[in-house]
Amino acid sequence: MNDKESHNGIILLDKGIGLTSMSCDVAVRKTLSMRKVGHLGTLDPFATGLLPIFVGDALKILRYCEDYDKRYVCTARFGMATDTLDKDGEVIFENYPDKDTMAKLIETDFRSVREAFAEEEKITEQMPPKYSAKKINGRKAYELARAGKDDLLEESLKPHHVKIHSIDIVSITPQDKGFDLEFAVWCSKGTYIRTIADEVGRKTGFGATAMSLRRITEGPFDISSAVTEDRMKEMANSGDFSFIISSDKALEHIPSIDVDDRTADDISHGRRVPLSRIKSLTGSALADRYRALYAGKLIAMLVPAEDCGTKYLKCERVFIS
């Protein structure tokens, strides 16, 4: 096995503030001298935390990981709002609670704020913020916003489906002006945490903007296993590539089936596999997709199909020849 082959896998990067996800790809590409590099789940420059980066052959499975749920921790300042919905933007609204209002909020344990978050937990659609990495005609929304292309943004940005599994308030800390609220969110892909803070700010009348945002999980991956860019480079320079993990973990959410020599040969030629040949699936409800494993190695992705009453598994993606 040569060095490039040994670099196939996934790097869990702890992205620093101010970095783009693409610049992290570039850093990995240079560190490993690998051309095939791509990240899962873009983080805006303002955000920090978990950024899984797929390297080499691992890129072949990236498409099967794009629907991961994610967890974030965000601290929002209440009493102000910015155009970018985070601390890097220009302040466009201020309504810091006075002493009497703050005293009432504390007395009621910030009930009105908690109720607004409870409402956000029930949303099923969300509008992407104009200062986001969402692509519009090949350009990121925040690039268009900075170029003053508001008309194009208003025409192109549409609400999309999201699922908020939970929002938990971690702490509320009064400041000299306003108060900071830290909250944790477990949500589907495509959820904008800054938008949640902004909406709660609108509902309470105080305004709110994100002061920090950190992704802590994405699918089976956790920030506790991540390395910073500097640490990755330091390890690589010393010949230690243990920060590259197997891509198998990324597919744990997809059920697997073990195949024999005959079935593996059929799969390598793209032939369909009769369902009756896979004894472990006989009589059971079928999943949407299966990992085909031969001698413990992933060789294909198979999906159920039916033709003239005969059920079979057809090849969706073959990884061997």
C-alpha atoms as a PDB file:
ATOM      1  CA  MET A   1       0.000   0.000   0.000  1.00  0.00           C
ATOM      2  CA  ASN A   2       1.465   3.380  -0.952  1.00  0.00           C
ATOM      3  CA  ASP A   3       1.111   6.577   1.061  1.00  0.00           C
ATOM      4  CA  LYS A   4      -1.752   7.941  -1.005  1.00  0.00           C
ATOM      5  CA  GLU A   5      -3.805   4.798  -0.578  1.00  0.00           C
ATOM      6  CA  SER A   6      -3.261   4.881   3.190  1.00  0.00           C
ATOM      7  CA  HIS A   7      -4.759   8.377   3.285  1.00  0.00           C
ATOM      8  CA  ASN A   8      -8.216   7.232   2.206  1.00  0.00           C
ATOM      9  CA  GLY A   9     -10.731   7.961   4.944  1.00  0.00           C
ATOM     10  CA  ILE A  10     -12.320  10.765   6.933  1.00  0.00           C
ATOM     11  CA  ILE A  11     -10.762  13.580   8.938  1.00  0.00           C
ATOM     12  CA  LEU A  12     -12.889  15.117  11.678  1.00  0.00           C
ATOM     13  CA  LEU A  13     -11.660  18.694  11.691  1.00  0.00           C
ATOM     14  CA  ASP A  14     -12.406  21.190  14.456  1.00  0.00           C
ATOM     15  CA  LYS A  15     -12.805  24.244  12.248  1.00  0.00           C
ATOM     16  CA  GLY A  16     -11.557  27.518  13.639  1.00  0.00           C
ATOM     17  CA  ILE A  17     -13.433  30.811  13.506  1.00  0.00           C
ATOM     18  CA  GLY A  18     -12.993  32.875  10.343  1.00  0.00           C
ATOM     19  CA  LEU A  19     -12.071  29.928   8.133  1.00  0.00           C
ATOM     20  CA  THR A  20     -14.193  28.835   5.190  1.00  0.00           C
ATOM     21  CA  SER A  21     -15.002  25.171   4.719  1.00  0.00           C
ATOM     22  CA  MET A  22     -13.262  25.276   1.345  1.00  0.00           C
ATOM     23  CA  SER A  23     -10.066  26.640   2.902  1.00  0.00           C
ATOM     24  CA  CYS A  24     -10.141  23.645   5.271  1.00  0.00           C
ATOM     25  CA  ASP A  25     -10.326  21.341   2.242  1.00  0.00           C
ATOM     26  CA  VAL A  26      -7.286  23.095   0.820  1.00  0.00           C
ATOM     27  CA  ALA A  27      -5.383  22.667   4.088  1.00  0.00           C
ATOM     28  CA  VAL A  28      -6.105  18.931   4.105  1.00  0.00           C
ATOM     29  CA  ARG A  29      -5.189  18.617   0.432  1.00  0.00           C
ATOM     30  CA  LYS A  30      -1.808  20.249   1.021  1.00  0.00           C
ATOM     31  CA  THR A  31      -1.095  18.370   4.245  1.00  0.00           C
ATOM     32  CA  LEU A  32      -1.760  14.967   2.709  1.00  0.00           C
ATOM     33  CA  SER A  33      -0.704  15.764  -0.885  1.00  0.00           C
ATOM     34  CA  MET A  34      -4.118  14.447  -1.987  1.00  0.00           C
ATOM     35  CA  ARG A  35      -6.216  15.839  -4.803  1.00  0.00           C
ATOM     36  CA  LYS A  36      -9.513  14.181  -3.886  1.00  0.00           C
ATOM     37  CA  VAL A  37     -10.810  16.047  -0.852  1.00  0.00           C
ATOM     38  CA  GLY A  38     -14.308  17.265   0.052  1.00  0.00           C
ATOM     39  CA  HIS A  39     -16.192  18.307   3.183  1.00  0.00           C
ATOM     40  CA  LEU A  40     -19.576  17.262   4.521  1.00  0.00           C
ATOM     41  CA  GLY A  41     -21.930  20.009   5.690  1.00  0.00           C
ATOM     42  CA  THR A  42     -20.593  23.507   5.059  1.00  0.00           C
ATOM     43  CA  LEU A  43     -19.889  25.724   8.073  1.00  0.00           C
ATOM     44  CA  ASP A  44     -19.976  29.492   7.629  1.00  0.00           C
ATOM     45  CA  PRO A  45     -16.722  31.328   8.478  1.00  0.00           C
ATOM     46  CA  PHE A  46     -18.361  32.674  11.665  1.00  0.00           C
ATOM     47  CA  ALA A  47     -19.088  29.149  12.946  1.00  0.00           C
ATOM     48  CA  THR A  48     -16.630  26.728  14.519  1.00  0.00           C
ATOM     49  CA  GLY A  49     -16.613  23.042  15.285  1.00  0.00           C
ATOM     50  CA  LEU A  50     -17.068  19.719  13.570  1.00  0.00           C
ATOM     51  CA  LEU A  51     -16.313  19.571   9.847  1.00  0.00           C
ATOM     52  CA  PRO A  52     -15.955  16.018   8.458  1.00  0.00           C
ATOM     53  CA  ILE A  53     -13.591  16.008   5.467  1.00  0.00           C
ATOM     54  CA  PHE A  54     -13.625  12.996   3.132  1.00  0.00           C
ATOM     55  CA  VAL A  55     -10.342  12.054   1.485  1.00  0.00           C
ATOM     56  CA  GLY A  56      -9.540   9.826  -1.498  1.00  0.00           C
ATOM     57  CA  ASP A  57     -11.845   6.838  -1.990  1.00  0.00           C
ATOM     58  CA  ALA A  58     -14.025   8.009   0.921  1.00  0.00           C
ATOM     59  CA  LEU A  59     -15.467  10.652  -1.426  1.00  0.00           C
ATOM     60  CA  LYS A  60     -17.383   7.846  -3.144  1.00  0.00           C
ATOM     61  CA  ILE A  61     -19.665   7.518  -0.126  1.00  0.00           C
ATOM     62  CA  LEU A  62     -20.099  11.228   0.630  1.00  0.00           C
ATOM     63  CA  ARG A  63     -23.516  11.327  -1.060  1.00  0.00           C
ATOM     64  CA  TYR A  64     -24.834   8.741   1.405  1.00  0.00           C
ATOM     65  CA  CYS A  65     -24.030  10.942   4.376  1.00  0.00           C
ATOM     66  CA  GLU A  66     -25.650  14.209   3.350  1.00  0.00           C
ATOM     67  CA  ASP A  67     -28.865  13.739   5.343  1.00  0.00           C
ATOM     68  CA  TYR A  68     -27.232  13.503   8.759  1.00  0.00           C
ATOM     69  CA  ASP A  69     -28.899  15.273  11.664  1.00  0.00           C
ATOM     70  CA  LYS A  70     -26.680  17.755  13.510  1.00  0.00           C
ATOM     71  CA  ARG A  71     -26.251  19.340  16.925  1.00  0.00           C
ATOM     72  CA  TYR A  72     -25.138  22.900  17.585  1.00  0.00           C
ATOM     73  CA  VAL A  73     -24.498  25.152  20.557  1.00  0.00           C
ATOM     74  CA  CYS A  74     -25.141  28.861  20.035  1.00  0.00           C
ATOM     75  CA  THR A  75     -24.852  31.943  22.242  1.00  0.00           C
ATOM     76  CA  ALA A  76     -27.134  34.806  21.225  1.00  0.00           C
ATOM     77  CA  ARG A  77     -27.093  38.397  22.503  1.00  0.00           C
ATOM     78  CA  PHE A  78     -30.608  39.738  23.132  1.00  0.00           C
ATOM     79  CA  GLY A  79     -31.203  43.475  22.778  1.00  0.00           C
ATOM     80  CA  MET A  80     -29.721  43.952  19.311  1.00  0.00           C
ATOM     81  CA  ALA A  81     -29.923  42.584  15.763  1.00  0.00           C
ATOM     82  CA  THR A  82     -27.444  42.701  12.875  1.00  0.00           C
ATOM     83  CA  ASP A  83     -27.822  42.394   9.112  1.00  0.00           C
ATOM     84  CA  THR A  84     -25.854  39.131   9.039  1.00  0.00           C
ATOM     85  CA  LEU A  85     -27.640  37.684  12.121  1.00  0.00           C
ATOM     86  CA  ASP A  86     -24.254  37.330  13.851  1.00  0.00           C
ATOM     87  CA  LYS A  87     -21.730  39.522  15.659  1.00  0.00           C
ATOM     88  CA  ASP A  88     -19.751  40.218  12.477  1.00  0.00           C
ATOM     89  CA  GLY A  89     -22.577  42.208  10.904  1.00  0.00           C
ATOM     90  CA  GLU A  90     -23.725  45.813  11.222  1.00  0.00           C
ATOM     91  CA  VAL A  91     -26.195  46.587  13.991  1.00  0.00           C
ATOM     92  CA  ILE A  92     -29.578  47.392  12.454  1.00  0.00           C
ATOM     93  CA  PHE A  93     -31.766  47.302  15.573  1.00  0.00           C
ATOM     94  CA  GLU A  94     -31.336  47.874  19.301  1.00  0.00           C
ATOM     95  CA  ASN A  95     -33.832  47.397  22.126  1.00  0.00           C
ATOM     96  CA  TYR A  96     -31.922  46.545  25.264  1.00  0.00           C
ATOM     97  CA  PRO A  97     -34.297  45.825  28.161  1.00  0.00           C
ATOM     98  CA  ASP A  98     -34.253  48.529  30.859  1.00  0.00           C
ATOM     99  CA  LYS A  99     -33.800  47.717  34.551  1.00  0.00           C
ATOM    100  CA  ASP A 100     -37.510  47.187  35.220  1.00  0.00           C
ATOM    101  CA  THR A 101     -37.950  44.971  32.166  1.00  0.00           C
ATOM    102  CA  MET A 102     -34.871  42.936  33.039  1.00  0.00           C
ATOM    103  CA  ALA A 103     -36.090  42.537  36.616  1.00  0.00           C
ATOM    104  CA  LYS A 104     -39.420  41.208  35.329  1.00  0.00           C
ATOM    105  CA  LEU A 105     -37.666  38.834  32.958  1.00  0.00           C
ATOM    106  CA  ILE A 106     -35.549  37.469  35.790  1.00  0.00           C
ATOM    107  CA  GLU A 107     -38.564  37.217  38.102  1.00  0.00           C
ATOM    108  CA  THR A 108     -40.441  35.096  35.535  1.00  0.00           C
ATOM    109  CA  ASP A 109     -37.331  33.056  34.642  1.00  0.00           C
ATOM    110  CA  PHE A 110     -37.411  34.619  31.162  1.00  0.00           C
ATOM    111  CA  ARG A 111     -40.747  32.936  30.469  1.00  0.00           C
ATOM    112  CA  SER A 112     -41.536  34.951  27.332  1.00  0.00           C
ATOM    113  CA  VAL A 113     -38.155  34.061  25.842  1.00  0.00           C
ATOM    114  CA  ARG A 114     -38.534  30.375  26.687  1.00  0.00           C
ATOM    115  CA  GLU A 115     -42.000  30.339  25.122  1.00  0.00           C
ATOM    116  CA  ALA A 116     -40.608  31.873  21.921  1.00  0.00           C
ATOM    117  CA  PHE A 117     -37.967  29.147  21.712  1.00  0.00           C
ATOM    118  CA  ALA A 118     -40.684  26.522  22.261  1.00  0.00           C
ATOM    119  CA  GLU A 119     -42.508  27.939  19.238  1.00  0.00           C
ATOM    120  CA  GLU A 120     -39.365  27.723  17.128  1.00  0.00           C
ATOM    121  CA  GLU A 121     -38.998  24.075  18.088  1.00  0.00           C
ATOM    122  CA  LYS A 122     -42.229  23.384  16.175  1.00  0.00           C
ATOM    123  CA  ILE A 123     -41.308  25.000  12.855  1.00  0.00           C
ATOM    124  CA  THR A 124     -41.293  22.869   9.705  1.00  0.00           C
ATOM    125  CA  GLU A 125     -40.013  25.488   7.221  1.00  0.00           C
ATOM    126  CA  GLN A 126     -37.261  28.047   7.348  1.00  0.00           C
ATOM    127  CA  MET A 127     -36.025  30.799   5.054  1.00  0.00           C
ATOM    128  CA  PRO A 128     -32.253  30.763   4.486  1.00  0.00           C
ATOM    129  CA  PRO A 129     -30.615  34.031   5.585  1.00  0.00           C
ATOM    130  CA  LYS A 130     -29.185  36.141   2.802  1.00  0.00           C
ATOM    131  CA  TYR A 131     -25.820  36.059   4.561  1.00  0.00           C
ATOM    132  CA  SER A 132     -25.348  32.305   4.221  1.00  0.00           C
ATOM    133  CA  ALA A 133     -23.313  29.862   2.137  1.00  0.00           C
ATOM    134  CA  LYS A 134     -26.371  28.724   0.165  1.00  0.00           C
ATOM    135  CA  LYS A 135     -25.535  28.622  -3.554  1.00  0.00           C
ATOM    136  CA  ILE A 136     -27.518  30.780  -6.009  1.00  0.00           C
ATOM    137  CA  ASN A 137     -26.538  30.504  -9.667  1.00  0.00           C
ATOM    138  CA  GLY A 138     -23.158  29.185  -8.597  1.00  0.00           C
ATOM    139  CA  ARG A 139     -22.467  31.971  -6.117  1.00  0.00           C
ATOM    140  CA  LYS A 140     -22.863  31.977  -2.342  1.00  0.00           C
ATOM    141  CA  ALA A 141     -25.739  34.032  -0.988  1.00  0.00           C
ATOM    142  CA  TYR A 142     -23.460  36.119   1.245  1.00  0.00           C
ATOM    143  CA  GLU A 143     -21.365  37.098  -1.786  1.00  0.00           C
ATOM    144  CA  LEU A 144     -24.491  38.366  -3.539  1.00  0.00           C
ATOM    145  CA  ALA A 145     -25.624  40.174  -0.387  1.00  0.00           C
ATOM    146  CA  ARG A 146     -22.288  41.967  -0.087  1.00  0.00           C
ATOM    147  CA  ALA A 147     -22.535  42.907  -3.775  1.00  0.00           C
ATOM    148  CA  GLY A 148     -25.943  44.501  -3.161  1.00  0.00           C
ATOM    149  CA  LYS A 149     -27.877  41.902  -5.199  1.00  0.00           C
ATOM    150  CA  ASP A 150     -30.917  42.038  -2.890  1.00  0.00           C
ATOM    151  CA  ASP A 151     -33.413  41.679  -5.746  1.00  0.00           C
ATOM    152  CA  LEU A 152     -31.812  38.422  -6.874  1.00  0.00           C
ATOM    153  CA  LEU A 153     -31.723  37.147  -3.297  1.00  0.00           C
ATOM    154  CA  GLU A 154     -35.390  37.936  -2.694  1.00  0.00           C
ATOM    155  CA  GLU A 155     -36.297  36.136  -5.915  1.00  0.00           C
ATOM    156  CA  SER A 156     -34.093  33.098  -5.332  1.00  0.00           C
ATOM    157  CA  LEU A 157     -34.243  32.373  -1.603  1.00  0.00           C
ATOM    158  CA  LYS A 158     -37.231  30.175  -0.803  1.00  0.00           C
ATOM    159  CA  PRO A 159     -38.405  28.483   2.405  1.00  0.00           C
ATOM    160  CA  HIS A 160     -37.320  24.868   2.733  1.00  0.00           C
ATOM    161  CA  HIS A 161     -38.310  21.977   4.985  1.00  0.00           C
ATOM    162  CA  VAL A 162     -36.488  21.560   8.283  1.00  0.00           C
ATOM    163  CA  LYS A 163     -36.974  19.408  11.358  1.00  0.00           C
ATOM    164  CA  ILE A 164     -36.125  20.664  14.831  1.00  0.00           C
ATOM    165  CA  HIS A 165     -35.859  17.677  17.165  1.00  0.00           C
ATOM    166  CA  SER A 166     -35.137  19.763  20.243  1.00  0.00           C
ATOM    167  CA  ILE A 167     -34.008  23.173  21.492  1.00  0.00           C
ATOM    168  CA  ASP A 168     -32.621  23.301  25.020  1.00  0.00           C
ATOM    169  CA  ILE A 169     -31.739  26.517  26.818  1.00  0.00           C
ATOM    170  CA  VAL A 170     -28.406  25.995  28.551  1.00  0.00           C
ATOM    171  CA  SER A 171     -27.967  29.317  30.353  1.00  0.00           C
ATOM    172  CA  ILE A 172     -29.152  32.921  30.461  1.00  0.00           C
ATOM    173  CA  THR A 173     -26.679  35.553  31.606  1.00  0.00           C
ATOM    174  CA  PRO A 174     -27.615  39.245  32.086  1.00  0.00           C
ATOM    175  CA  GLN A 175     -25.067  41.674  30.606  1.00  0.00           C
ATOM    176  CA  ASP A 176     -24.489  45.405  31.108  1.00  0.00           C
ATOM    177  CA  LYS A 177     -26.680  45.798  28.045  1.00  0.00           C
ATOM    178  CA  GLY A 178     -29.148  43.016  27.252  1.00  0.00           C
ATOM    179  CA  PHE A 179     -28.533  39.378  28.083  1.00  0.00           C
ATOM    180  CA  ASP A 180     -26.742  36.401  26.559  1.00  0.00           C
ATOM    181  CA  LEU A 181     -28.591  33.139  26.063  1.00  0.00           C
ATOM    182  CA  GLU A 182     -26.831  29.874  25.248  1.00  0.00           C
ATOM    183  CA  PHE A 183     -28.964  27.191  23.609  1.00  0.00           C
ATOM    184  CA  ALA A 184     -28.395  23.753  22.104  1.00  0.00           C
ATOM    185  CA  VAL A 185     -30.181  22.570  18.956  1.00  0.00           C
ATOM    186  CA  TRP A 186     -30.636  19.088  17.507  1.00  0.00           C
ATOM    187  CA  CYS A 187     -31.926  19.468  13.974  1.00  0.00           C
ATOM    188  CA  SER A 188     -32.030  18.276  10.387  1.00  0.00           C
ATOM    189  CA  LYS A 189     -29.631  19.393   7.685  1.00  0.00           C
ATOM    190  CA  GLY A 190     -30.312  22.797   6.205  1.00  0.00           C
ATOM    191  CA  THR A 191     -31.339  24.359   9.520  1.00  0.00           C
ATOM    192  CA  TYR A 192     -29.921  27.827  10.148  1.00  0.00           C
ATOM    193  CA  ILE A 193     -29.259  28.352  13.843  1.00  0.00           C
ATOM    194  CA  ARG A 194     -28.686  32.103  13.453  1.00  0.00           C
ATOM    195  CA  THR A 195     -32.201  32.331  11.998  1.00  0.00           C
ATOM    196  CA  ILE A 196     -33.642  30.641  15.096  1.00  0.00           C
ATOM    197  CA  ALA A 197     -31.974  33.249  17.317  1.00  0.00           C
ATOM    198  CA  ASP A 198     -33.149  36.062  15.046  1.00  0.00           C
ATOM    199  CA  GLU A 199     -36.759  34.798  15.023  1.00  0.00           C
ATOM    200  CA  VAL A 200     -36.849  34.529  18.818  1.00  0.00           C
ATOM    201  CA  GLY A 201     -35.441  38.053  18.994  1.00  0.00           C
ATOM    202  CA  ARG A 202     -38.247  39.270  16.739  1.00  0.00           C
ATOM    203  CA  LYS A 203     -40.955  37.453  18.705  1.00  0.00           C
ATOM    204  CA  THR A 204     -39.781  38.860  22.026  1.00  0.00           C
ATOM    205  CA  GLY A 205     -39.254  42.341  20.607  1.00  0.00           C
ATOM    206  CA  PHE A 206     -35.685  42.619  21.874  1.00  0.00           C
ATOM    207  CA  GLY A 207     -33.863  41.508  18.764  1.00  0.00           C
ATOM    208  CA  ALA A 208     -31.123  38.894  18.943  1.00  0.00           C
ATOM    209  CA  THR A 209     -27.939  38.054  17.108  1.00  0.00           C
ATOM    210  CA  ALA A 210     -25.594  35.076  17.318  1.00  0.00           C
ATOM    211  CA  MET A 211     -22.361  35.786  19.163  1.00  0.00           C
ATOM    212  CA  SER A 212     -20.923  32.285  18.731  1.00  0.00           C
ATOM    213  CA  LEU A 213     -21.975  29.103  16.963  1.00  0.00           C
ATOM    214  CA  ARG A 214     -20.380  25.681  17.260  1.00  0.00           C
ATOM    215  CA  ARG A 215     -21.308  22.360  15.632  1.00  0.00           C
ATOM    216  CA  ILE A 216     -20.719  19.485  18.012  1.00  0.00           C
ATOM    217  CA  THR A 217     -22.136  16.449  16.196  1.00  0.00           C
ATOM    218  CA  GLU A 218     -22.960  15.416  12.643  1.00  0.00           C
ATOM    219  CA  GLY A 219     -24.490  11.980  12.187  1.00  0.00           C
ATOM    220  CA  PRO A 220     -22.215   9.455  13.964  1.00  0.00           C
ATOM    221  CA  PHE A 221     -19.377  11.953  14.346  1.00  0.00           C
ATOM    222  CA  ASP A 222     -18.628  13.963  17.498  1.00  0.00           C
ATOM    223  CA  ILE A 223     -16.454  16.999  18.143  1.00  0.00           C
ATOM    224  CA  SER A 224     -14.622  15.088  20.892  1.00  0.00           C
ATOM    225  CA  SER A 225     -12.865  13.070  18.172  1.00  0.00           C
ATOM    226  CA  ALA A 226     -11.919  16.085  16.045  1.00  0.00           C
ATOM    227  CA  VAL A 227      -8.508  17.694  15.559  1.00  0.00           C
ATOM    228  CA  THR A 228      -7.654  21.300  14.829  1.00  0.00           C
ATOM    229  CA  GLU A 229      -5.919  22.227  11.584  1.00  0.00           C
ATOM    230  CA  ASP A 230      -2.675  22.951  13.454  1.00  0.00           C
ATOM    231  CA  ARG A 231      -2.799  19.607  15.264  1.00  0.00           C
ATOM    232  CA  MET A 232      -3.450  17.775  12.004  1.00  0.00           C
ATOM    233  CA  LYS A 233      -0.396  19.366  10.392  1.00  0.00           C
ATOM    234  CA  GLU A 234       1.755  18.656  13.447  1.00  0.00           C
ATOM    235  CA  MET A 235       0.776  14.972  13.448  1.00  0.00           C
ATOM    236  CA  ALA A 236       1.251  14.603   9.689  1.00  0.00           C
ATOM    237  CA  ASN A 237       4.709  16.197   9.849  1.00  0.00           C
ATOM    238  CA  SER A 238       5.724  13.596  12.415  1.00  0.00           C
ATOM    239  CA  GLY A 239       4.387  10.764  10.242  1.00  0.00           C
ATOM    240  CA  ASP A 240       1.336  10.131  12.458  1.00  0.00           C
ATOM    241  CA  PHE A 241      -1.834   9.853  10.365  1.00  0.00           C
ATOM    242  CA  SER A 242      -4.058   8.378  13.061  1.00  0.00           C
ATOM    243  CA  PHE A 243      -6.352  11.395  12.696  1.00  0.00           C
ATOM    244  CA  ILE A 244      -7.695   9.753   9.504  1.00  0.00           C
ATOM    245  CA  ILE A 245     -10.534   7.409  10.470  1.00  0.00           C
ATOM    246  CA  SER A 246     -12.149   4.614   8.482  1.00  0.00           C
ATOM    247  CA  SER A 247     -15.050   5.627   6.241  1.00  0.00           C
ATOM    248  CA  ASP A 248     -17.013   2.608   7.529  1.00  0.00           C
ATOM    249  CA  LYS A 249     -18.302   4.643  10.483  1.00  0.00           C
ATOM    250  CA  ALA A 250     -19.975   7.075   8.111  1.00  0.00           C
ATOM    251  CA  LEU A 251     -22.307   4.359   6.815  1.00  0.00           C
ATOM    252  CA  GLU A 252     -23.415   2.780  10.069  1.00  0.00           C
ATOM    253  CA  HIS A 253     -26.929   4.151   9.510  1.00  0.00           C
ATOM    254  CA  ILE A 254     -27.347   1.969   6.387  1.00  0.00           C
ATOM    255  CA  PRO A 255     -28.115  -1.740   7.022  1.00  0.00           C
ATOM    256  CA  SER A 256     -25.625  -4.248   5.610  1.00  0.00           C
ATOM    257  CA  ILE A 257     -25.797  -7.691   4.056  1.00  0.00           C
ATOM    258  CA  ASP A 258     -22.966 -10.200   3.633  1.00  0.00           C
ATOM    259  CA  VAL A 259     -22.689 -11.690   0.143  1.00  0.00           C
ATOM    260  CA  ASP A 260     -21.018 -14.860  -1.124  1.00  0.00           C
ATOM    261  CA  ASP A 261     -18.608 -15.322  -4.032  1.00  0.00           C
ATOM    262  CA  ARG A 262     -21.350 -15.755  -6.623  1.00  0.00           C
ATOM    263  CA  THR A 263     -23.267 -12.666  -5.537  1.00  0.00           C
ATOM    264  CA  ALA A 264     -20.087 -10.591  -5.325  1.00  0.00           C
ATOM    265  CA  ASP A 265     -19.277 -11.577  -8.915  1.00  0.00           C
ATOM    266  CA  ASP A 266     -22.779 -10.575 -10.050  1.00  0.00           C
ATOM    267  CA  ILE A 267     -22.438  -7.238  -8.300  1.00  0.00           C
ATOM    268  CA  SER A 268     -19.016  -6.574  -9.845  1.00  0.00           C
ATOM    269  CA  HIS A 269     -20.684  -6.890 -13.262  1.00  0.00           C
ATOM    270  CA  GLY A 270     -23.679  -4.761 -12.285  1.00  0.00           C
ATOM    271  CA  ARG A 271     -26.137  -7.655 -12.357  1.00  0.00           C
ATOM    272  CA  ARG A 272     -29.263  -7.657 -10.234  1.00  0.00           C
ATOM    273  CA  VAL A 273     -29.377 -10.005  -7.260  1.00  0.00           C
ATOM    274  CA  PRO A 274     -32.568 -12.058  -6.645  1.00  0.00           C
ATOM    275  CA  LEU A 275     -33.907 -11.263  -3.201  1.00  0.00           C
ATOM    276  CA  SER A 276     -34.459 -14.978  -2.567  1.00  0.00           C
ATOM    277  CA  ARG A 277     -30.679 -15.453  -2.587  1.00  0.00           C
ATOM    278  CA  ILE A 278     -30.249 -13.129   0.430  1.00  0.00           C
ATOM    279  CA  LYS A 279     -31.583 -15.367   3.189  1.00  0.00           C
ATOM    280  CA  SER A 280     -31.262 -12.718   5.890  1.00  0.00           C
ATOM    281  CA  LEU A 281     -33.849 -10.542   4.080  1.00  0.00           C
ATOM    282  CA  THR A 282     -36.417 -13.251   3.355  1.00  0.00           C
ATOM    283  CA  GLY A 283     -39.760 -12.318   4.845  1.00  0.00           C
ATOM    284  CA  SER A 284     -38.551  -9.064   6.388  1.00  0.00           C
ATOM    285  CA  ALA A 285     -39.521  -5.471   5.637  1.00  0.00           C
ATOM    286  CA  LEU A 286     -37.029  -3.992   3.209  1.00  0.00           C
ATOM    287  CA  ALA A 287     -34.936  -0.913   3.846  1.00  0.00           C
ATOM    288  CA  ASP A 288     -34.447   1.765   1.202  1.00  0.00           C
ATOM    289  CA  ARG A 289     -30.814   0.778   0.681  1.00  0.00           C
ATOM    290  CA  TYR A 290     -28.237  -1.846   1.724  1.00  0.00           C
ATOM    291  CA  ARG A 291     -24.480  -1.994   2.007  1.00  0.00           C
ATOM    292  CA  ALA A 292     -23.163  -5.141   0.299  1.00  0.00           C
ATOM    293  CA  LEU A 293     -20.170  -6.519   2.184  1.00  0.00           C
ATOM    294  CA  TYR A 294     -17.849  -9.175   0.806  1.00  0.00           C
ATOM    295  CA  ALA A 295     -15.251 -10.532   3.212  1.00  0.00           C
ATOM    296  CA  GLY A 296     -16.054  -7.562   5.431  1.00  0.00           C
ATOM    297  CA  LYS A 297     -15.348  -5.007   2.699  1.00  0.00           C
ATOM    298  CA  LEU A 298     -17.909  -2.648   1.162  1.00  0.00           C
ATOM    299  CA  ILE A 299     -18.351  -3.540  -2.503  1.00  0.00           C
ATOM    300  CA  ALA A 300     -21.630  -1.851  -3.457  1.00  0.00           C
ATOM    301  CA  MET A 301     -24.810  -0.045  -2.522  1.00  0.00           C
ATOM    302  CA  LEU A 302     -27.939  -2.005  -3.409  1.00  0.00           C
ATOM    303  CA  VAL A 303     -31.564  -0.874  -3.550  1.00  0.00           C
ATOM    304  CA  PRO A 304     -34.724  -3.043  -3.663  1.00  0.00           C
ATOM    305  CA  ALA A 305     -36.681  -3.276  -6.909  1.00  0.00           C
ATOM    306  CA  GLU A 306     -39.357  -5.465  -8.454  1.00  0.00           C
ATOM    307  CA  ASP A 307     -39.998  -6.660 -11.999  1.00  0.00           C
ATOM    308  CA  CYS A 308     -43.023  -8.736 -13.020  1.00  0.00           C
ATOM    309  CA  GLY A 309     -43.566  -9.851  -9.446  1.00  0.00           C
ATOM    310  CA  THR A 310     -39.933 -10.839  -8.874  1.00  0.00           C
ATOM    311  CA  LYS A 311     -38.138  -8.934  -6.132  1.00  0.00           C
ATOM    312  CA  TYR A 312     -34.432  -8.270  -6.387  1.00  0.00           C
ATOM    313  CA  LEU A 313     -31.656  -5.935  -5.361  1.00  0.00           C
ATOM    314  CA  LYS A 314     -30.145  -3.753  -8.040  1.00  0.00           C
ATOM    315  CA  CYS A 315     -26.803  -1.998  -7.970  1.00  0.00           C
ATOM    316  CA  GLU A 316     -26.988   1.686  -7.173  1.00  0.00           C
ATOM    317  CA  ARG A 317     -23.240   2.172  -6.808  1.00  0.00           C
ATOM    318  CA  VAL A 318     -20.513  -0.421  -7.325  1.00  0.00           C
ATOM    319  CA  PHE A 319     -17.133   0.047  -5.674  1.00  0.00           C
ATOM    320  CA  ILE A 320     -15.300  -2.918  -7.242  1.00  0.00           C
ATOM    321  CA  SER A 321     -14.614  -3.958 -10.827  1.00  0.00           C
END
